[in-house]
N, C-alpha and C. Protein backbone atom coordinates (compact mmCIF):
# COMPACT_ATOMS: atom_id res chain seq x y z
N UNK A 1 -2.81 -29.02 -31.71
CA UNK A 1 -3.14 -27.59 -31.82
C UNK A 1 -2.19 -26.95 -32.83
N UNK A 2 -2.76 -26.23 -33.85
CA UNK A 2 -1.90 -25.61 -34.85
C UNK A 2 -1.20 -24.38 -34.27
N UNK A 3 -0.28 -23.85 -35.05
CA UNK A 3 0.55 -22.76 -34.54
C UNK A 3 -0.27 -21.52 -34.22
N UNK A 4 -1.25 -21.18 -35.07
CA UNK A 4 -2.05 -20.00 -34.82
C UNK A 4 -2.84 -20.13 -33.51
N UNK A 5 -3.42 -21.31 -33.30
CA UNK A 5 -4.19 -21.53 -32.08
C UNK A 5 -3.29 -21.49 -30.86
N UNK A 6 -2.08 -22.06 -31.00
CA UNK A 6 -1.13 -22.07 -29.89
C UNK A 6 -0.73 -20.66 -29.51
N UNK A 7 -0.42 -19.85 -30.50
CA UNK A 7 -0.03 -18.47 -30.23
C UNK A 7 -1.18 -17.66 -29.65
N UNK A 8 -2.40 -17.93 -30.14
CA UNK A 8 -3.57 -17.22 -29.61
C UNK A 8 -3.80 -17.56 -28.15
N UNK A 9 -3.64 -18.84 -27.80
CA UNK A 9 -3.83 -19.26 -26.40
C UNK A 9 -2.77 -18.65 -25.51
N UNK A 10 -1.53 -18.64 -25.99
CA UNK A 10 -0.44 -18.06 -25.19
C UNK A 10 -0.66 -16.57 -25.00
N UNK A 11 -1.07 -15.89 -26.07
CA UNK A 11 -1.32 -14.44 -25.97
C UNK A 11 -2.45 -14.15 -25.00
N UNK A 12 -3.48 -14.99 -25.02
CA UNK A 12 -4.60 -14.80 -24.10
C UNK A 12 -4.14 -14.97 -22.67
N UNK A 13 -3.29 -15.99 -22.41
CA UNK A 13 -2.79 -16.21 -21.05
C UNK A 13 -1.97 -15.03 -20.58
N UNK A 14 -1.12 -14.50 -21.46
CA UNK A 14 -0.30 -13.35 -21.09
C UNK A 14 -1.19 -12.14 -20.82
N UNK A 15 -2.22 -11.94 -21.66
CA UNK A 15 -3.10 -10.80 -21.47
C UNK A 15 -3.86 -10.88 -20.16
N UNK A 16 -4.38 -12.06 -19.83
CA UNK A 16 -5.12 -12.22 -18.58
C UNK A 16 -4.23 -12.00 -17.37
N UNK A 17 -3.01 -12.52 -17.44
CA UNK A 17 -2.11 -12.38 -16.30
C UNK A 17 -1.58 -10.95 -16.18
N UNK A 18 -1.40 -10.29 -17.31
CA UNK A 18 -1.00 -8.88 -17.27
C UNK A 18 -2.10 -8.05 -16.62
N UNK A 19 -3.36 -8.39 -16.96
CA UNK A 19 -4.48 -7.69 -16.33
C UNK A 19 -4.51 -7.95 -14.84
N UNK A 20 -4.24 -9.20 -14.43
CA UNK A 20 -4.22 -9.53 -13.01
C UNK A 20 -3.10 -8.77 -12.29
N UNK A 21 -1.96 -8.63 -12.97
CA UNK A 21 -0.84 -7.90 -12.37
C UNK A 21 -1.19 -6.43 -12.19
N UNK A 22 -1.91 -5.87 -13.17
CA UNK A 22 -2.32 -4.46 -13.06
C UNK A 22 -3.28 -4.29 -11.89
N UNK A 23 -4.19 -5.26 -11.71
CA UNK A 23 -5.11 -5.19 -10.58
C UNK A 23 -4.35 -5.31 -9.27
N UNK A 24 -3.29 -6.12 -9.26
CA UNK A 24 -2.51 -6.30 -8.03
C UNK A 24 -1.84 -5.00 -7.61
N UNK A 25 -1.56 -4.13 -8.58
CA UNK A 25 -0.89 -2.87 -8.27
C UNK A 25 -1.86 -1.81 -7.74
N UNK A 26 -3.16 -2.08 -7.82
CA UNK A 26 -4.17 -1.12 -7.37
C UNK A 26 -4.17 -1.03 -5.84
N UNK A 27 -4.21 0.22 -5.33
CA UNK A 27 -4.27 0.42 -3.89
C UNK A 27 -5.68 0.08 -3.39
N UNK A 28 -5.77 -0.86 -2.45
CA UNK A 28 -7.05 -1.33 -1.94
C UNK A 28 -7.49 -0.59 -0.69
N UNK A 29 -6.71 0.42 -0.27
CA UNK A 29 -7.06 1.25 0.89
C UNK A 29 -7.74 2.51 0.39
N UNK A 30 -8.89 2.85 0.96
CA UNK A 30 -9.56 4.10 0.62
C UNK A 30 -8.89 5.26 1.35
N UNK A 31 -8.58 6.32 0.62
CA UNK A 31 -7.94 7.52 1.19
C UNK A 31 -6.68 7.17 1.98
N UNK A 32 -5.84 6.34 1.36
CA UNK A 32 -4.59 5.98 2.02
C UNK A 32 -3.60 7.12 2.10
N UNK A 33 -3.83 8.18 1.32
CA UNK A 33 -2.92 9.33 1.37
C UNK A 33 -3.47 10.46 2.25
N UNK A 34 -4.57 10.20 2.93
CA UNK A 34 -5.16 11.17 3.87
C UNK A 34 -5.34 12.55 3.23
N UNK A 35 -5.95 12.55 2.05
CA UNK A 35 -6.19 13.81 1.35
C UNK A 35 -7.67 14.15 1.21
N UNK A 36 -8.56 13.23 1.59
CA UNK A 36 -9.99 13.47 1.46
C UNK A 36 -10.74 12.89 2.66
N UNK A 37 -11.06 13.72 3.66
CA UNK A 37 -10.99 15.18 3.66
C UNK A 37 -9.57 15.71 3.80
N UNK A 38 -9.40 16.99 3.60
CA UNK A 38 -8.10 17.64 3.70
C UNK A 38 -7.84 18.14 5.11
N UNK A 39 -6.55 18.16 5.46
CA UNK A 39 -6.16 18.72 6.76
C UNK A 39 -6.06 20.23 6.75
N UNK A 40 -6.29 20.84 5.57
CA UNK A 40 -6.29 22.30 5.48
C UNK A 40 -4.91 22.91 5.53
N UNK A 41 -4.86 24.19 5.95
CA UNK A 41 -3.59 24.91 5.99
C UNK A 41 -2.66 24.43 7.08
N UNK A 42 -3.20 23.89 8.16
CA UNK A 42 -2.37 23.37 9.26
C UNK A 42 -2.77 21.93 9.57
N UNK A 43 -3.76 21.76 10.46
CA UNK A 43 -4.25 20.41 10.75
C UNK A 43 -5.65 20.51 11.35
N UNK A 44 -6.36 19.36 11.33
CA UNK A 44 -7.70 19.28 11.90
C UNK A 44 -7.72 18.11 12.87
N UNK A 45 -8.24 18.31 14.08
CA UNK A 45 -8.31 17.25 15.09
C UNK A 45 -9.66 16.53 15.00
N UNK A 46 -9.60 15.20 14.96
CA UNK A 46 -10.80 14.36 14.95
C UNK A 46 -10.85 13.55 16.23
N UNK A 47 -11.99 13.63 16.92
CA UNK A 47 -12.15 12.93 18.20
C UNK A 47 -12.49 11.46 17.99
N UNK A 48 -12.17 10.64 18.99
CA UNK A 48 -12.50 9.23 18.94
C UNK A 48 -13.99 9.01 18.73
N UNK A 49 -14.34 8.06 17.87
CA UNK A 49 -15.72 7.76 17.56
C UNK A 49 -16.23 8.49 16.33
N UNK A 50 -15.50 9.50 15.86
CA UNK A 50 -15.91 10.23 14.66
C UNK A 50 -15.37 9.54 13.42
N UNK A 51 -15.88 9.95 12.27
CA UNK A 51 -15.38 9.41 11.01
C UNK A 51 -14.58 10.48 10.29
N UNK A 52 -13.58 10.04 9.54
CA UNK A 52 -12.68 10.92 8.80
C UNK A 52 -12.60 10.33 7.39
N UNK A 53 -13.59 10.69 6.55
CA UNK A 53 -13.69 10.02 5.26
C UNK A 53 -14.02 8.55 5.51
N UNK A 54 -13.25 7.63 4.89
CA UNK A 54 -13.51 6.19 5.08
C UNK A 54 -12.94 5.63 6.39
N UNK A 55 -12.20 6.43 7.13
CA UNK A 55 -11.58 5.98 8.38
C UNK A 55 -12.48 6.29 9.57
N UNK A 56 -12.44 5.41 10.57
CA UNK A 56 -13.09 5.66 11.85
C UNK A 56 -12.01 5.91 12.89
N UNK A 57 -12.16 6.97 13.66
CA UNK A 57 -11.15 7.34 14.66
C UNK A 57 -11.41 6.56 15.95
N UNK A 58 -10.32 6.03 16.53
CA UNK A 58 -10.40 5.28 17.77
C UNK A 58 -9.56 5.98 18.85
N UNK A 59 -9.69 5.53 20.08
CA UNK A 59 -8.92 6.14 21.16
C UNK A 59 -9.39 7.55 21.43
N UNK A 60 -8.47 8.43 21.85
CA UNK A 60 -8.86 9.80 22.20
C UNK A 60 -9.09 10.65 20.96
N UNK A 61 -8.07 10.82 20.12
CA UNK A 61 -8.19 11.69 18.95
C UNK A 61 -6.94 11.57 18.08
N UNK A 62 -7.06 12.06 16.84
CA UNK A 62 -5.92 12.10 15.91
C UNK A 62 -5.91 13.48 15.26
N UNK A 63 -4.77 13.86 14.70
CA UNK A 63 -4.64 15.11 13.95
C UNK A 63 -4.41 14.80 12.48
N UNK A 64 -5.33 15.23 11.62
CA UNK A 64 -5.17 15.11 10.18
C UNK A 64 -4.36 16.31 9.71
N UNK A 65 -3.16 16.05 9.19
CA UNK A 65 -2.22 17.11 8.85
C UNK A 65 -2.39 17.55 7.40
N UNK A 66 -2.52 18.87 7.22
CA UNK A 66 -2.55 19.45 5.88
C UNK A 66 -1.16 19.94 5.50
N UNK A 67 -0.93 21.25 5.67
CA UNK A 67 0.38 21.84 5.33
C UNK A 67 1.19 22.19 6.56
N UNK A 68 0.87 21.57 7.68
CA UNK A 68 1.57 21.91 8.93
C UNK A 68 3.04 21.49 8.86
N UNK A 69 3.31 20.37 8.20
CA UNK A 69 4.70 19.94 8.00
C UNK A 69 4.83 19.21 6.67
N UNK A 70 6.02 18.78 6.37
CA UNK A 70 6.35 18.13 5.10
C UNK A 70 5.46 16.91 4.85
N UNK A 71 4.99 16.78 3.61
CA UNK A 71 4.17 15.63 3.23
C UNK A 71 5.04 14.39 3.04
N UNK A 72 4.45 13.21 3.13
CA UNK A 72 5.21 11.98 2.85
C UNK A 72 5.71 11.96 1.42
N UNK A 73 6.64 11.06 1.14
CA UNK A 73 7.20 10.94 -0.20
C UNK A 73 6.12 10.68 -1.23
N UNK A 74 5.08 9.94 -0.85
CA UNK A 74 4.01 9.60 -1.78
C UNK A 74 3.07 10.76 -2.04
N UNK A 75 3.22 11.87 -1.29
CA UNK A 75 2.34 13.01 -1.45
C UNK A 75 1.11 12.89 -0.57
N UNK A 76 0.17 13.81 -0.75
CA UNK A 76 -1.04 13.80 0.05
C UNK A 76 -0.80 14.39 1.42
N UNK A 77 -1.67 14.03 2.37
CA UNK A 77 -1.52 14.50 3.74
C UNK A 77 -0.86 13.45 4.61
N UNK A 78 -0.95 13.66 5.91
CA UNK A 78 -0.41 12.68 6.86
C UNK A 78 -1.28 12.70 8.10
N UNK A 79 -1.00 11.80 9.03
CA UNK A 79 -1.84 11.67 10.22
C UNK A 79 -0.98 11.49 11.45
N UNK A 80 -1.14 12.39 12.43
CA UNK A 80 -0.50 12.24 13.74
C UNK A 80 -1.47 11.43 14.60
N UNK A 81 -1.05 10.25 15.02
CA UNK A 81 -1.94 9.36 15.76
C UNK A 81 -2.18 9.79 17.20
N UNK A 82 -1.47 10.80 17.66
CA UNK A 82 -1.75 11.40 18.97
C UNK A 82 -2.33 12.78 18.72
N UNK A 83 -3.66 12.90 18.86
CA UNK A 83 -4.28 14.21 18.72
C UNK A 83 -4.08 15.00 19.99
N UNK A 84 -5.13 15.11 20.80
CA UNK A 84 -4.96 15.69 22.13
C UNK A 84 -4.34 14.67 23.08
N UNK A 85 -4.61 13.40 22.80
CA UNK A 85 -4.02 12.25 23.49
C UNK A 85 -3.97 11.12 22.48
N UNK A 86 -3.32 9.98 22.80
CA UNK A 86 -3.17 8.90 21.82
C UNK A 86 -4.50 8.38 21.27
N UNK A 87 -4.50 8.18 19.96
CA UNK A 87 -5.68 7.66 19.28
C UNK A 87 -5.28 6.68 18.18
N UNK A 88 -6.13 6.55 17.20
CA UNK A 88 -5.86 5.64 16.09
C UNK A 88 -6.95 5.76 15.04
N UNK A 89 -6.80 5.01 13.94
CA UNK A 89 -7.80 4.97 12.87
C UNK A 89 -7.95 3.53 12.40
N UNK A 90 -9.12 3.23 11.85
CA UNK A 90 -9.39 1.89 11.35
C UNK A 90 -10.33 1.96 10.17
N UNK A 91 -10.22 1.00 9.25
CA UNK A 91 -11.18 0.84 8.17
C UNK A 91 -11.20 -0.61 7.74
N UNK A 92 -12.35 -1.05 7.19
CA UNK A 92 -12.47 -2.43 6.71
C UNK A 92 -12.13 -2.47 5.23
N UNK A 93 -11.21 -3.34 4.86
CA UNK A 93 -10.80 -3.49 3.46
C UNK A 93 -11.70 -4.51 2.77
N UNK A 94 -12.26 -4.13 1.66
CA UNK A 94 -13.13 -5.04 0.89
C UNK A 94 -12.27 -5.88 -0.04
N UNK A 95 -11.67 -6.91 0.51
CA UNK A 95 -10.76 -7.76 -0.26
C UNK A 95 -11.20 -9.21 -0.16
N UNK A 96 -10.75 -10.02 -1.10
CA UNK A 96 -11.05 -11.44 -1.10
C UNK A 96 -9.92 -12.24 -0.49
N UNK A 97 -10.07 -13.55 -0.42
CA UNK A 97 -9.00 -14.39 0.11
C UNK A 97 -7.74 -14.24 -0.72
N UNK A 98 -6.60 -14.16 -0.05
CA UNK A 98 -5.35 -14.04 -0.80
C UNK A 98 -4.21 -13.48 0.01
N UNK A 99 -3.15 -13.20 -0.72
CA UNK A 99 -1.87 -12.73 -0.16
C UNK A 99 -1.73 -11.25 -0.53
N UNK A 100 -1.44 -10.41 0.46
CA UNK A 100 -1.40 -8.96 0.24
C UNK A 100 -0.15 -8.33 0.87
N UNK A 101 0.19 -7.15 0.36
CA UNK A 101 1.31 -6.38 0.90
C UNK A 101 0.78 -5.04 1.42
N UNK A 102 1.11 -4.72 2.66
CA UNK A 102 0.78 -3.43 3.25
C UNK A 102 2.04 -2.58 3.33
N UNK A 103 1.96 -1.34 2.86
CA UNK A 103 3.10 -0.43 2.95
C UNK A 103 2.61 0.94 3.40
N UNK A 104 3.48 1.69 4.07
CA UNK A 104 3.14 3.04 4.52
C UNK A 104 4.42 3.79 4.86
N UNK A 105 4.31 5.11 4.98
CA UNK A 105 5.44 5.94 5.40
C UNK A 105 5.26 6.30 6.87
N UNK A 106 6.36 6.28 7.60
CA UNK A 106 6.33 6.50 9.04
C UNK A 106 7.31 7.59 9.44
N UNK A 107 6.84 8.51 10.30
CA UNK A 107 7.70 9.54 10.89
C UNK A 107 7.17 9.80 12.30
N UNK A 108 7.56 10.94 12.87
CA UNK A 108 7.10 11.28 14.21
C UNK A 108 6.91 12.78 14.34
N UNK A 109 5.96 13.18 15.16
CA UNK A 109 5.72 14.60 15.41
C UNK A 109 6.95 15.20 16.10
N UNK A 110 7.62 16.18 15.46
CA UNK A 110 8.85 16.73 16.02
C UNK A 110 8.62 17.81 17.08
N UNK A 111 7.35 18.09 17.41
CA UNK A 111 7.05 19.21 18.30
C UNK A 111 7.30 18.91 19.78
N UNK A 112 7.41 17.62 20.15
CA UNK A 112 7.62 17.32 21.56
C UNK A 112 7.87 15.85 21.84
N UNK A 113 8.15 15.58 23.13
CA UNK A 113 8.46 14.22 23.58
C UNK A 113 7.19 13.36 23.54
N UNK A 114 7.42 12.00 23.51
CA UNK A 114 8.70 11.31 23.62
C UNK A 114 9.45 11.32 22.29
N UNK A 115 10.76 11.09 22.37
CA UNK A 115 11.55 11.06 21.14
C UNK A 115 11.29 9.77 20.36
N UNK A 116 10.90 8.71 21.07
CA UNK A 116 10.56 7.46 20.40
C UNK A 116 9.04 7.33 20.33
N UNK A 117 8.53 7.29 19.10
CA UNK A 117 7.09 7.17 18.88
C UNK A 117 6.78 5.70 18.56
N UNK A 118 5.71 5.18 19.17
CA UNK A 118 5.36 3.77 18.99
C UNK A 118 4.03 3.65 18.25
N UNK A 119 3.98 2.71 17.31
CA UNK A 119 2.81 2.51 16.47
C UNK A 119 2.47 1.02 16.43
N UNK A 120 1.18 0.70 16.63
CA UNK A 120 0.68 -0.67 16.49
C UNK A 120 -0.15 -0.74 15.21
N UNK A 121 0.17 -1.71 14.35
CA UNK A 121 -0.58 -1.91 13.11
C UNK A 121 -1.18 -3.31 13.15
N UNK A 122 -2.50 -3.39 12.95
CA UNK A 122 -3.17 -4.68 12.96
C UNK A 122 -3.92 -4.87 11.65
N UNK A 123 -3.70 -6.01 10.99
CA UNK A 123 -4.40 -6.35 9.76
C UNK A 123 -4.36 -7.87 9.61
N UNK A 124 -5.44 -8.41 9.09
CA UNK A 124 -5.49 -9.86 8.94
C UNK A 124 -5.42 -10.58 10.27
N UNK A 125 -5.82 -9.90 11.35
CA UNK A 125 -5.82 -10.51 12.68
C UNK A 125 -4.46 -10.58 13.33
N UNK A 126 -3.43 -10.02 12.70
CA UNK A 126 -2.07 -10.06 13.24
C UNK A 126 -1.62 -8.64 13.56
N UNK A 127 -1.01 -8.46 14.74
CA UNK A 127 -0.52 -7.14 15.16
C UNK A 127 0.97 -7.01 14.92
N UNK A 128 1.39 -5.85 14.48
CA UNK A 128 2.80 -5.54 14.25
C UNK A 128 3.12 -4.22 14.96
N UNK A 129 4.26 -4.17 15.61
CA UNK A 129 4.67 -2.98 16.35
C UNK A 129 5.84 -2.30 15.63
N UNK A 130 5.72 -0.99 15.43
CA UNK A 130 6.78 -0.19 14.82
C UNK A 130 7.14 0.96 15.75
N UNK A 131 8.37 1.42 15.64
CA UNK A 131 8.75 2.61 16.40
C UNK A 131 9.57 3.54 15.52
N UNK A 132 9.50 4.80 15.84
CA UNK A 132 10.25 5.82 15.11
C UNK A 132 10.91 6.73 16.12
N UNK A 133 12.23 6.89 16.00
CA UNK A 133 12.98 7.74 16.92
C UNK A 133 13.37 9.04 16.23
N UNK A 134 12.97 10.16 16.81
CA UNK A 134 13.32 11.46 16.25
C UNK A 134 14.84 11.67 16.29
N UNK A 135 15.38 12.22 15.20
CA UNK A 135 16.79 12.57 15.16
C UNK A 135 16.97 14.07 15.33
N UNK A 136 18.18 14.53 15.46
CA UNK A 136 18.43 15.97 15.65
C UNK A 136 17.98 16.81 14.46
N UNK A 137 17.84 16.18 13.29
CA UNK A 137 17.46 16.94 12.10
C UNK A 137 15.97 16.98 11.83
N UNK A 138 15.17 16.21 12.59
CA UNK A 138 13.72 16.19 12.35
C UNK A 138 13.10 17.57 12.59
N UNK A 139 12.31 18.02 11.63
CA UNK A 139 11.64 19.32 11.75
C UNK A 139 10.43 19.32 10.83
N UNK A 140 9.66 20.40 10.85
CA UNK A 140 8.49 20.49 9.99
C UNK A 140 8.88 20.41 8.52
N UNK A 141 10.03 20.93 8.17
CA UNK A 141 10.46 20.92 6.77
C UNK A 141 11.26 19.67 6.41
N UNK A 142 11.61 18.87 7.42
CA UNK A 142 12.34 17.63 7.18
C UNK A 142 11.82 16.56 8.15
N UNK A 143 10.76 15.87 7.71
CA UNK A 143 10.14 14.85 8.56
C UNK A 143 10.89 13.52 8.51
N UNK A 144 11.73 13.34 7.50
CA UNK A 144 12.57 12.15 7.38
C UNK A 144 11.74 10.86 7.49
N UNK A 145 10.75 10.75 6.61
CA UNK A 145 9.89 9.55 6.58
C UNK A 145 10.70 8.31 6.21
N UNK A 146 10.31 7.18 6.77
CA UNK A 146 10.86 5.89 6.38
C UNK A 146 9.73 5.04 5.83
N UNK A 147 10.07 4.18 4.88
CA UNK A 147 9.07 3.29 4.28
C UNK A 147 9.01 1.98 5.05
N UNK A 148 7.81 1.58 5.43
CA UNK A 148 7.61 0.32 6.15
C UNK A 148 6.65 -0.56 5.34
N UNK A 149 6.83 -1.88 5.45
CA UNK A 149 5.92 -2.77 4.74
C UNK A 149 6.00 -4.18 5.33
N UNK A 150 4.95 -4.93 5.12
CA UNK A 150 4.93 -6.35 5.47
C UNK A 150 3.79 -7.02 4.72
N UNK A 151 3.89 -8.34 4.55
CA UNK A 151 2.87 -9.13 3.87
C UNK A 151 1.89 -9.71 4.88
N UNK A 152 0.67 -9.97 4.43
CA UNK A 152 -0.31 -10.63 5.28
C UNK A 152 -1.27 -11.45 4.42
N UNK A 153 -1.93 -12.40 5.04
CA UNK A 153 -2.92 -13.23 4.38
C UNK A 153 -4.31 -12.82 4.85
N UNK A 154 -5.27 -12.88 3.95
CA UNK A 154 -6.66 -12.54 4.30
C UNK A 154 -7.57 -13.65 3.78
N UNK A 155 -8.65 -13.89 4.50
CA UNK A 155 -9.65 -14.86 4.06
C UNK A 155 -10.88 -14.18 3.48
N UNK A 156 -10.86 -12.85 3.47
CA UNK A 156 -11.98 -12.06 2.98
C UNK A 156 -11.84 -10.65 3.52
N UNK A 157 -12.92 -9.87 3.53
CA UNK A 157 -12.86 -8.51 4.09
C UNK A 157 -12.19 -8.51 5.46
N UNK A 158 -11.25 -7.59 5.66
CA UNK A 158 -10.48 -7.57 6.90
C UNK A 158 -10.29 -6.14 7.39
N UNK A 159 -10.08 -6.00 8.68
CA UNK A 159 -9.93 -4.68 9.29
C UNK A 159 -8.47 -4.28 9.38
N UNK A 160 -8.18 -3.05 8.95
CA UNK A 160 -6.84 -2.47 9.04
C UNK A 160 -6.89 -1.38 10.10
N UNK A 161 -5.98 -1.45 11.07
CA UNK A 161 -5.97 -0.47 12.16
C UNK A 161 -4.56 0.06 12.41
N UNK A 162 -4.46 1.37 12.63
CA UNK A 162 -3.23 2.02 13.08
C UNK A 162 -3.55 2.64 14.43
N UNK A 163 -2.79 2.26 15.46
CA UNK A 163 -3.07 2.73 16.81
C UNK A 163 -1.80 3.21 17.48
N UNK A 164 -1.88 4.38 18.12
CA UNK A 164 -0.72 4.89 18.85
C UNK A 164 -0.38 3.97 20.01
N UNK A 165 0.93 3.73 20.17
CA UNK A 165 1.40 2.94 21.31
C UNK A 165 1.99 3.82 22.39
N UNK A 166 1.79 5.15 22.27
CA UNK A 166 2.29 6.10 23.26
C UNK A 166 1.30 6.22 24.42
N UNK A 167 1.68 6.99 25.42
CA UNK A 167 0.77 7.22 26.55
C UNK A 167 0.88 8.67 27.00
N UNK A 168 -0.28 9.33 27.10
CA UNK A 168 -0.35 10.68 27.66
C UNK A 168 0.46 11.73 26.94
N UNK A 169 0.40 11.75 25.60
CA UNK A 169 1.16 12.76 24.85
C UNK A 169 0.38 13.18 23.62
N UNK A 170 0.50 14.43 23.18
CA UNK A 170 -0.13 14.88 21.94
C UNK A 170 0.84 14.84 20.75
N UNK A 171 2.00 14.24 20.92
CA UNK A 171 3.03 14.24 19.87
C UNK A 171 3.38 12.79 19.53
N UNK A 172 2.70 12.25 18.51
CA UNK A 172 2.82 10.81 18.25
C UNK A 172 3.49 10.43 16.96
N UNK A 173 3.33 9.16 16.62
CA UNK A 173 3.80 8.64 15.34
C UNK A 173 2.97 9.25 14.22
N UNK A 174 3.59 9.47 13.08
CA UNK A 174 2.95 10.08 11.92
C UNK A 174 2.98 9.09 10.76
N UNK A 175 1.84 8.88 10.12
CA UNK A 175 1.77 7.95 8.99
C UNK A 175 1.23 8.66 7.76
N UNK A 176 1.53 8.09 6.59
CA UNK A 176 1.01 8.59 5.33
C UNK A 176 1.26 7.58 4.24
N UNK A 177 0.67 7.79 3.07
CA UNK A 177 0.89 6.91 1.93
C UNK A 177 0.58 5.47 2.22
N UNK A 178 -0.54 5.19 2.90
CA UNK A 178 -0.90 3.81 3.24
C UNK A 178 -1.43 3.09 2.01
N UNK A 179 -0.89 1.91 1.74
CA UNK A 179 -1.30 1.17 0.54
C UNK A 179 -1.36 -0.33 0.83
N UNK A 180 -2.37 -0.98 0.29
CA UNK A 180 -2.48 -2.44 0.32
C UNK A 180 -2.66 -2.90 -1.11
N UNK A 181 -1.85 -3.86 -1.55
CA UNK A 181 -1.93 -4.38 -2.90
C UNK A 181 -1.85 -5.90 -2.87
N UNK A 182 -2.55 -6.53 -3.79
CA UNK A 182 -2.50 -7.99 -3.89
C UNK A 182 -1.12 -8.43 -4.36
N UNK A 183 -0.66 -9.56 -3.86
CA UNK A 183 0.63 -10.12 -4.25
C UNK A 183 0.38 -11.31 -5.16
N UNK A 184 0.82 -11.25 -6.45
CA UNK A 184 0.61 -12.39 -7.35
C UNK A 184 1.29 -13.64 -6.80
N UNK A 185 0.59 -14.77 -6.89
CA UNK A 185 1.16 -16.02 -6.40
C UNK A 185 2.21 -16.54 -7.38
N UNK A 186 3.18 -17.34 -6.90
CA UNK A 186 4.23 -17.88 -7.78
C UNK A 186 3.68 -18.63 -8.99
N UNK A 187 2.55 -19.34 -8.82
CA UNK A 187 1.98 -20.08 -9.94
C UNK A 187 1.55 -19.15 -11.06
N UNK A 188 1.06 -17.97 -10.71
CA UNK A 188 0.64 -17.00 -11.72
C UNK A 188 1.83 -16.49 -12.52
N UNK A 189 2.94 -16.21 -11.81
CA UNK A 189 4.15 -15.77 -12.52
C UNK A 189 4.68 -16.88 -13.43
N UNK A 190 4.58 -18.14 -12.97
CA UNK A 190 5.04 -19.26 -13.78
C UNK A 190 4.22 -19.37 -15.06
N UNK A 191 2.89 -19.17 -14.95
CA UNK A 191 2.03 -19.22 -16.13
C UNK A 191 2.36 -18.09 -17.09
N UNK A 192 2.64 -16.91 -16.53
CA UNK A 192 2.99 -15.77 -17.37
C UNK A 192 4.27 -16.04 -18.15
N UNK A 193 5.30 -16.56 -17.47
CA UNK A 193 6.56 -16.86 -18.14
C UNK A 193 6.37 -17.96 -19.18
N UNK A 194 5.52 -18.95 -18.87
CA UNK A 194 5.27 -20.02 -19.83
C UNK A 194 4.60 -19.47 -21.07
N UNK A 195 3.61 -18.55 -20.87
CA UNK A 195 2.92 -17.95 -22.01
C UNK A 195 3.87 -17.15 -22.89
N UNK A 196 4.75 -16.38 -22.24
CA UNK A 196 5.74 -15.61 -23.00
C UNK A 196 6.66 -16.55 -23.77
N UNK A 197 7.08 -17.64 -23.12
CA UNK A 197 7.94 -18.61 -23.77
C UNK A 197 7.28 -19.27 -24.97
N UNK A 198 5.97 -19.57 -24.83
CA UNK A 198 5.23 -20.18 -25.93
C UNK A 198 5.15 -19.23 -27.12
N UNK A 199 4.92 -17.94 -26.85
CA UNK A 199 4.85 -16.98 -27.94
C UNK A 199 6.21 -16.86 -28.62
N UNK A 200 7.27 -16.78 -27.79
CA UNK A 200 8.61 -16.68 -28.37
C UNK A 200 8.97 -17.89 -29.21
N UNK A 201 8.64 -19.09 -28.69
CA UNK A 201 8.92 -20.31 -29.43
C UNK A 201 8.14 -20.37 -30.73
N UNK A 202 6.87 -19.93 -30.68
CA UNK A 202 6.05 -19.94 -31.88
C UNK A 202 6.59 -19.00 -32.94
N UNK A 203 7.04 -17.82 -32.51
CA UNK A 203 7.60 -16.86 -33.48
C UNK A 203 8.88 -17.39 -34.11
N UNK A 204 9.71 -18.06 -33.29
CA UNK A 204 10.95 -18.64 -33.86
C UNK A 204 10.62 -19.72 -34.88
N UNK A 205 9.59 -20.51 -34.59
CA UNK A 205 9.20 -21.57 -35.52
C UNK A 205 8.70 -20.98 -36.84
N UNK A 206 7.93 -19.90 -36.74
CA UNK A 206 7.44 -19.24 -37.95
C UNK A 206 8.59 -18.70 -38.77
N UNK A 207 9.59 -18.09 -38.09
CA UNK A 207 10.75 -17.54 -38.83
C UNK A 207 11.53 -18.66 -39.52
N UNK A 208 11.69 -19.80 -38.83
CA UNK A 208 12.40 -20.93 -39.46
C UNK A 208 11.65 -21.45 -40.67
N UNK A 209 10.33 -21.52 -40.53
CA UNK A 209 9.50 -22.01 -41.64
C UNK A 209 9.62 -21.09 -42.84
N UNK A 210 9.60 -19.77 -42.59
CA UNK A 210 9.71 -18.82 -43.68
C UNK A 210 11.09 -18.88 -44.32
N UNK A 211 12.12 -19.16 -43.49
CA UNK A 211 13.49 -19.16 -44.00
C UNK A 211 13.74 -20.33 -44.94
N UNK A 212 13.03 -21.47 -44.72
CA UNK A 212 13.30 -22.66 -45.55
C UNK A 212 12.24 -22.85 -46.63
N UNK A 213 11.26 -21.96 -46.69
CA UNK A 213 10.22 -22.08 -47.71
C UNK A 213 10.82 -21.94 -49.10
N UNK A 214 10.44 -22.81 -50.07
CA UNK A 214 11.01 -22.73 -51.41
C UNK A 214 10.61 -21.43 -52.12
N UNK A 215 11.51 -20.90 -52.88
CA UNK A 215 11.23 -19.67 -53.61
C UNK A 215 10.18 -19.93 -54.69
N UNK A 216 9.34 -18.95 -54.95
CA UNK A 216 8.30 -19.09 -55.98
C UNK A 216 8.96 -19.14 -57.34
N UNK A 217 8.43 -20.03 -58.22
CA UNK A 217 8.99 -20.17 -59.57
C UNK A 217 8.29 -19.20 -60.49
């Protein structure tokens, strides 16, 4: 393979993998920032069995928060998983087989007990339990969100669920900024680095060739 063909192949590999990396950064959750529909000036309560945009409400009910308290770091709205009583939300992710990362912001409703809010997250058939403990500084203007994340494997379209782990309370765990993104496999990164190396090596070879080329008479 001549130098031009080698560089073209390496550039193509880098371009394809860069495109794959850009796709991996795309959020695969619909309305992960809870902004469509909007929670309005304060909040809107959705009963179990109803739909909230792409989400289906489970359990008793949830509160979709508009401007009632501070938004998550990622912006948008947030969701109190205890509406009138503990509830949850679920949606099916249209994803293919692969390795994914789920991330979200977690806080707790500061209006009442319990001080420890419990959240169950299920995706890819695996359940994860999170808790958030209110501190003395938690308030509507300072929700003190924490970032949570974990990886999971999927074999195809999979269900993502957030469910309150509390009992008999309207003051639950608060979530926002929910995101799922594909995780590039190590082999893809190796191919990307190899392509970059091939381009770099080719450019060095061209510079050496030009440096030793005889001057025109």
